[in-house]
């Protein structure tokens, strides 16, 4: 009999103090970005500064609910992708995509604790 279920170790676990430090650091940087955004003279760059703060807030929130280092690196990679997308769409002044990203980025951040809570439930098992 062949067992098709492979249980792979997801790697090293993420220490909770490190997750808390990342949370506090990202939120502090985001608050500073929100505070200095009004000083930027170009409105597109100012919007990018605010949107970068939004991404850092969401990544900082998500990192609290991550258990593994590999998953934390993926969260940071997706945050970097979000910052690049905001850079492109803010500076190109494509408002539809900017507003779509402003909705989707916090939504994905809220999926992290929901996924962690729902991961323990088995519906069809």
N, C-alpha and C. Protein backbone atom coordinates (compact mmCIF):
# COMPACT_ATOMS: atom_id res chain seq x y z
N UNK A 1 0.84 -1.18 0.00
CA UNK A 1 0.00 0.00 0.00
C UNK A 1 0.89 1.24 0.00
N UNK A 2 0.56 2.14 -0.87
CA UNK A 2 1.33 3.37 -0.99
C UNK A 2 0.55 4.51 -0.35
N UNK A 3 1.25 5.24 0.48
CA UNK A 3 0.61 6.38 1.14
C UNK A 3 0.95 7.64 0.36
N UNK A 4 -0.04 8.32 -0.16
CA UNK A 4 0.18 9.51 -0.98
C UNK A 4 0.31 10.78 -0.15
N UNK A 5 0.06 10.70 1.12
CA UNK A 5 0.13 11.89 1.95
C UNK A 5 1.55 12.04 2.46
N UNK A 6 2.19 13.12 2.08
CA UNK A 6 3.56 13.39 2.50
C UNK A 6 3.51 14.56 3.49
N UNK A 7 4.00 14.32 4.67
CA UNK A 7 4.04 15.38 5.67
C UNK A 7 5.45 15.94 5.69
N UNK A 8 5.58 17.10 5.12
CA UNK A 8 6.89 17.75 5.09
C UNK A 8 6.97 18.78 6.21
N UNK A 9 8.12 18.85 6.79
CA UNK A 9 8.32 19.87 7.82
C UNK A 9 8.43 21.22 7.12
N UNK A 10 7.68 22.20 7.57
CA UNK A 10 7.75 23.51 6.92
C UNK A 10 9.02 24.28 7.23
N UNK A 11 9.92 23.70 7.98
CA UNK A 11 11.18 24.37 8.28
C UNK A 11 11.26 24.83 9.72
N UNK A 12 12.03 25.87 9.92
CA UNK A 12 12.23 26.40 11.25
C UNK A 12 11.02 27.20 11.70
N UNK A 13 10.70 27.08 12.97
CA UNK A 13 9.58 27.87 13.49
C UNK A 13 10.04 29.31 13.75
N UNK A 14 9.11 30.22 13.58
CA UNK A 14 9.40 31.64 13.78
C UNK A 14 9.24 31.97 15.26
N UNK A 15 10.29 32.46 15.90
CA UNK A 15 10.16 32.82 17.33
C UNK A 15 9.17 33.98 17.50
N UNK A 16 8.34 33.87 18.52
CA UNK A 16 7.32 34.91 18.75
C UNK A 16 7.94 36.28 19.07
N UNK A 17 9.07 36.36 19.81
CA UNK A 17 9.66 37.69 20.01
C UNK A 17 10.13 38.34 18.71
N UNK A 18 10.62 37.52 17.77
CA UNK A 18 11.03 38.07 16.48
C UNK A 18 9.82 38.56 15.68
N UNK A 19 8.73 37.81 15.75
CA UNK A 19 7.50 38.24 15.07
C UNK A 19 6.97 39.53 15.69
N UNK A 20 7.03 39.63 17.01
CA UNK A 20 6.60 40.86 17.68
C UNK A 20 7.48 42.04 17.34
N UNK A 21 8.79 41.80 17.25
CA UNK A 21 9.71 42.88 16.87
C UNK A 21 9.45 43.35 15.45
N UNK A 22 9.20 42.41 14.54
CA UNK A 22 8.88 42.78 13.16
C UNK A 22 7.57 43.56 13.10
N UNK A 23 6.58 43.15 13.88
CA UNK A 23 5.30 43.85 13.94
C UNK A 23 5.49 45.29 14.39
N UNK A 24 6.19 45.48 15.51
CA UNK A 24 6.38 46.83 16.06
C UNK A 24 7.21 47.69 15.11
N UNK A 25 8.24 47.12 14.52
CA UNK A 25 9.09 47.89 13.61
C UNK A 25 8.31 48.33 12.37
N UNK A 26 7.57 47.42 11.78
CA UNK A 26 6.82 47.78 10.57
C UNK A 26 5.73 48.79 10.86
N UNK A 27 5.07 48.65 11.99
CA UNK A 27 4.04 49.63 12.34
C UNK A 27 4.67 50.99 12.64
N UNK A 28 5.83 51.02 13.29
CA UNK A 28 6.48 52.30 13.57
C UNK A 28 6.90 52.99 12.28
N UNK A 29 7.46 52.24 11.34
CA UNK A 29 7.85 52.82 10.06
C UNK A 29 6.61 53.30 9.30
N UNK A 30 5.53 52.55 9.36
CA UNK A 30 4.30 52.96 8.67
C UNK A 30 3.73 54.24 9.27
N UNK A 31 3.78 54.37 10.59
CA UNK A 31 3.27 55.59 11.22
C UNK A 31 4.13 56.79 10.84
N UNK A 32 5.44 56.58 10.76
CA UNK A 32 6.32 57.66 10.32
C UNK A 32 6.02 58.03 8.86
N UNK A 33 5.80 57.04 8.03
CA UNK A 33 5.45 57.34 6.63
C UNK A 33 4.14 58.10 6.53
N UNK A 34 3.15 57.71 7.32
CA UNK A 34 1.89 58.45 7.32
C UNK A 34 2.10 59.89 7.79
N UNK A 35 3.02 60.08 8.73
CA UNK A 35 3.24 61.41 9.29
C UNK A 35 3.97 62.33 8.34
N UNK A 36 4.83 61.78 7.50
CA UNK A 36 5.60 62.66 6.61
C UNK A 36 5.01 62.73 5.20
N UNK A 37 3.94 62.03 4.94
CA UNK A 37 3.37 62.00 3.59
C UNK A 37 2.89 63.38 3.15
N UNK A 38 2.41 64.18 4.06
CA UNK A 38 1.91 65.50 3.67
C UNK A 38 3.03 66.48 3.31
N UNK A 39 4.26 66.13 3.64
CA UNK A 39 5.39 67.00 3.32
C UNK A 39 5.90 66.83 1.89
N UNK A 40 5.49 65.76 1.25
CA UNK A 40 5.92 65.49 -0.13
C UNK A 40 5.13 66.40 -1.07
N UNK A 41 5.85 67.08 -1.96
CA UNK A 41 5.19 68.06 -2.82
C UNK A 41 4.48 67.42 -4.01
N UNK A 42 5.03 66.34 -4.54
CA UNK A 42 4.39 65.67 -5.66
C UNK A 42 3.27 64.78 -5.12
N UNK A 43 2.04 64.98 -5.57
CA UNK A 43 0.93 64.20 -5.01
C UNK A 43 1.02 62.70 -5.31
N UNK A 44 1.60 62.33 -6.44
CA UNK A 44 1.72 60.92 -6.76
C UNK A 44 2.74 60.23 -5.85
N UNK A 45 3.82 60.90 -5.56
CA UNK A 45 4.82 60.35 -4.65
C UNK A 45 4.27 60.32 -3.23
N UNK A 46 3.50 61.33 -2.87
CA UNK A 46 2.86 61.33 -1.55
C UNK A 46 1.88 60.17 -1.39
N UNK A 47 1.14 59.88 -2.44
CA UNK A 47 0.23 58.73 -2.40
C UNK A 47 1.01 57.43 -2.29
N UNK A 48 2.16 57.36 -2.96
CA UNK A 48 2.99 56.17 -2.85
C UNK A 48 3.54 56.00 -1.43
N UNK A 49 3.88 57.08 -0.79
CA UNK A 49 4.37 57.01 0.60
C UNK A 49 3.28 56.46 1.51
N UNK A 50 2.07 56.95 1.34
CA UNK A 50 0.95 56.46 2.15
C UNK A 50 0.66 54.99 1.85
N UNK A 51 0.70 54.62 0.58
CA UNK A 51 0.43 53.23 0.22
C UNK A 51 1.53 52.28 0.70
N UNK A 52 2.76 52.76 0.73
CA UNK A 52 3.85 51.96 1.31
C UNK A 52 3.61 51.74 2.79
N UNK A 53 3.14 52.76 3.48
CA UNK A 53 2.77 52.60 4.89
C UNK A 53 1.64 51.60 5.06
N UNK A 54 0.68 51.60 4.16
CA UNK A 54 -0.42 50.64 4.21
C UNK A 54 0.08 49.20 4.06
N UNK A 55 1.00 48.99 3.13
CA UNK A 55 1.56 47.65 2.93
C UNK A 55 2.35 47.22 4.16
N UNK A 56 3.13 48.12 4.74
CA UNK A 56 3.90 47.76 5.94
C UNK A 56 2.98 47.45 7.12
N UNK A 57 1.88 48.18 7.25
CA UNK A 57 0.91 47.86 8.30
C UNK A 57 0.35 46.45 8.11
N UNK A 58 0.01 46.13 6.90
CA UNK A 58 -0.59 44.81 6.63
C UNK A 58 0.41 43.68 6.81
N UNK A 59 1.64 43.88 6.38
CA UNK A 59 2.67 42.85 6.56
C UNK A 59 2.98 42.68 8.04
N UNK A 60 3.04 43.79 8.77
CA UNK A 60 3.28 43.70 10.21
C UNK A 60 2.16 42.98 10.94
N UNK A 61 0.94 43.22 10.52
CA UNK A 61 -0.20 42.52 11.13
C UNK A 61 -0.17 41.04 10.80
N UNK A 62 0.15 40.71 9.56
CA UNK A 62 0.15 39.31 9.13
C UNK A 62 1.26 38.51 9.79
N UNK A 63 2.37 39.14 10.06
CA UNK A 63 3.53 38.42 10.59
C UNK A 63 3.25 37.89 12.00
N UNK A 64 2.29 38.48 12.69
CA UNK A 64 1.94 38.00 14.03
C UNK A 64 1.29 36.62 14.00
N UNK A 65 0.67 36.28 12.91
CA UNK A 65 -0.08 35.03 12.82
C UNK A 65 0.65 33.95 12.01
N UNK A 66 1.92 34.16 11.76
CA UNK A 66 2.72 33.22 10.99
C UNK A 66 3.55 32.37 11.95
N UNK A 67 3.62 31.07 11.68
CA UNK A 67 4.34 30.16 12.57
C UNK A 67 5.72 29.76 12.07
N UNK A 68 6.00 29.92 10.79
CA UNK A 68 7.23 29.39 10.21
C UNK A 68 8.02 30.51 9.54
N UNK A 69 9.34 30.36 9.54
CA UNK A 69 10.22 31.37 8.94
C UNK A 69 9.97 31.45 7.43
N UNK A 70 9.78 30.31 6.79
CA UNK A 70 9.54 30.30 5.35
C UNK A 70 8.27 31.07 5.00
N UNK A 71 7.25 30.91 5.79
CA UNK A 71 6.00 31.64 5.55
C UNK A 71 6.18 33.13 5.79
N UNK A 72 6.97 33.48 6.81
CA UNK A 72 7.24 34.90 7.07
C UNK A 72 8.00 35.54 5.92
N UNK A 73 8.92 34.80 5.34
CA UNK A 73 9.64 35.34 4.18
C UNK A 73 8.71 35.51 2.98
N UNK A 74 7.76 34.61 2.84
CA UNK A 74 6.78 34.76 1.76
C UNK A 74 5.88 35.97 1.99
N UNK A 75 5.50 36.21 3.23
CA UNK A 75 4.69 37.39 3.54
C UNK A 75 5.46 38.65 3.18
N UNK A 76 6.76 38.68 3.53
CA UNK A 76 7.57 39.86 3.20
C UNK A 76 7.78 40.00 1.69
N UNK A 77 7.90 38.87 0.99
CA UNK A 77 8.03 38.93 -0.46
C UNK A 77 6.76 39.49 -1.09
N UNK A 78 5.60 39.04 -0.63
CA UNK A 78 4.34 39.58 -1.15
C UNK A 78 4.19 41.06 -0.80
N UNK A 79 4.69 41.47 0.36
CA UNK A 79 4.68 42.89 0.70
C UNK A 79 5.55 43.69 -0.24
N UNK A 80 6.72 43.15 -0.60
CA UNK A 80 7.59 43.82 -1.55
C UNK A 80 6.94 43.91 -2.93
N UNK A 81 6.25 42.86 -3.33
CA UNK A 81 5.52 42.89 -4.60
C UNK A 81 4.42 43.95 -4.55
N UNK A 82 3.73 44.06 -3.41
CA UNK A 82 2.70 45.09 -3.25
C UNK A 82 3.27 46.49 -3.35
N UNK A 83 4.44 46.70 -2.75
CA UNK A 83 5.08 48.02 -2.82
C UNK A 83 5.46 48.36 -4.26
N UNK A 84 5.98 47.38 -4.98
CA UNK A 84 6.35 47.61 -6.38
C UNK A 84 5.10 47.91 -7.22
N UNK A 85 4.02 47.18 -6.99
CA UNK A 85 2.78 47.45 -7.73
C UNK A 85 2.24 48.84 -7.41
N UNK A 86 2.30 49.24 -6.13
CA UNK A 86 1.87 50.59 -5.78
C UNK A 86 2.77 51.63 -6.43
N UNK A 87 4.06 51.35 -6.50
CA UNK A 87 4.98 52.30 -7.14
C UNK A 87 4.61 52.50 -8.60
N UNK A 88 4.38 51.41 -9.31
CA UNK A 88 4.06 51.50 -10.73
C UNK A 88 2.73 52.22 -10.94
N UNK A 89 1.71 51.81 -10.19
CA UNK A 89 0.37 52.36 -10.45
C UNK A 89 0.20 53.76 -9.88
N UNK A 90 0.87 54.08 -8.77
CA UNK A 90 0.78 55.45 -8.24
C UNK A 90 1.48 56.45 -9.15
N UNK A 91 2.67 56.10 -9.60
CA UNK A 91 3.41 57.05 -10.44
C UNK A 91 2.85 57.12 -11.85
N UNK A 92 2.19 56.06 -12.31
CA UNK A 92 1.55 56.10 -13.63
C UNK A 92 0.15 56.70 -13.55
N UNK A 93 -0.33 56.96 -12.33
CA UNK A 93 -1.64 57.56 -12.07
C UNK A 93 -2.77 56.72 -12.68
N UNK A 94 -2.71 55.41 -12.42
CA UNK A 94 -3.78 54.50 -12.83
C UNK A 94 -4.63 54.24 -11.58
N UNK A 95 -5.64 55.08 -11.41
CA UNK A 95 -6.41 55.10 -10.17
C UNK A 95 -7.19 53.82 -9.90
N UNK A 96 -7.67 53.17 -10.94
CA UNK A 96 -8.47 51.97 -10.75
C UNK A 96 -7.64 50.89 -10.06
N UNK A 97 -6.42 50.69 -10.51
CA UNK A 97 -5.58 49.66 -9.91
C UNK A 97 -5.08 50.06 -8.53
N UNK A 98 -4.86 51.36 -8.32
CA UNK A 98 -4.44 51.83 -7.00
C UNK A 98 -5.53 51.56 -5.97
N UNK A 99 -6.76 51.87 -6.31
CA UNK A 99 -7.85 51.63 -5.37
C UNK A 99 -8.11 50.14 -5.18
N UNK A 100 -7.93 49.36 -6.26
CA UNK A 100 -8.08 47.92 -6.13
C UNK A 100 -7.02 47.36 -5.18
N UNK A 101 -5.79 47.83 -5.29
CA UNK A 101 -4.73 47.38 -4.38
C UNK A 101 -4.98 47.84 -2.95
N UNK A 102 -5.54 49.03 -2.80
CA UNK A 102 -5.85 49.52 -1.44
C UNK A 102 -6.93 48.68 -0.77
N UNK A 103 -7.74 48.00 -1.54
CA UNK A 103 -8.74 47.10 -0.97
C UNK A 103 -8.16 45.70 -0.77
N UNK A 104 -7.42 45.21 -1.75
CA UNK A 104 -6.95 43.82 -1.72
C UNK A 104 -5.84 43.60 -0.70
N UNK A 105 -4.93 44.55 -0.53
CA UNK A 105 -3.80 44.34 0.39
C UNK A 105 -4.29 44.14 1.83
N UNK A 106 -5.16 44.99 2.38
CA UNK A 106 -5.66 44.69 3.74
C UNK A 106 -6.52 43.44 3.80
N UNK A 107 -7.23 43.13 2.71
CA UNK A 107 -8.03 41.91 2.70
C UNK A 107 -7.14 40.67 2.82
N UNK A 108 -6.03 40.65 2.09
CA UNK A 108 -5.10 39.52 2.21
C UNK A 108 -4.48 39.47 3.60
N UNK A 109 -4.24 40.62 4.20
CA UNK A 109 -3.70 40.63 5.56
C UNK A 109 -4.71 40.05 6.55
N UNK A 110 -5.98 40.29 6.32
CA UNK A 110 -6.99 39.72 7.21
C UNK A 110 -7.22 38.23 6.96
N UNK A 111 -6.84 37.74 5.79
CA UNK A 111 -6.95 36.31 5.53
C UNK A 111 -5.96 35.49 6.35
N UNK A 112 -4.87 36.09 6.79
CA UNK A 112 -3.85 35.35 7.53
C UNK A 112 -4.39 34.80 8.85
N UNK A 113 -4.99 35.61 9.73
CA UNK A 113 -5.52 35.00 10.96
C UNK A 113 -6.72 34.10 10.70
N UNK A 114 -7.51 34.42 9.69
CA UNK A 114 -8.65 33.54 9.37
C UNK A 114 -8.15 32.18 8.91
N UNK A 115 -7.11 32.17 8.10
CA UNK A 115 -6.54 30.91 7.64
C UNK A 115 -5.94 30.12 8.81
N UNK A 116 -5.31 30.82 9.73
CA UNK A 116 -4.71 30.13 10.88
C UNK A 116 -5.79 29.50 11.76
N UNK A 117 -6.88 30.21 11.95
CA UNK A 117 -7.98 29.68 12.78
C UNK A 117 -8.68 28.53 12.05
N UNK A 118 -8.94 28.70 10.77
CA UNK A 118 -9.68 27.70 10.02
C UNK A 118 -8.82 26.50 9.62
N UNK A 119 -7.52 26.62 9.78
CA UNK A 119 -6.64 25.52 9.40
C UNK A 119 -6.85 24.30 10.27
N UNK A 120 -7.30 24.47 11.50
CA UNK A 120 -7.50 23.35 12.39
C UNK A 120 -8.82 22.63 12.18
N UNK A 121 -9.72 23.21 11.43
CA UNK A 121 -11.04 22.59 11.21
C UNK A 121 -10.99 21.67 9.99
N UNK A 122 -11.57 20.52 10.12
CA UNK A 122 -11.70 19.59 9.00
C UNK A 122 -13.18 19.43 8.71
N UNK A 123 -13.57 19.78 7.51
CA UNK A 123 -14.99 19.77 7.18
C UNK A 123 -15.40 18.42 6.61
N UNK A 124 -14.67 17.92 5.65
CA UNK A 124 -15.05 16.68 4.99
C UNK A 124 -14.20 15.49 5.41
N UNK A 125 -13.58 15.55 6.59
CA UNK A 125 -12.72 14.45 7.04
C UNK A 125 -13.50 13.44 7.83
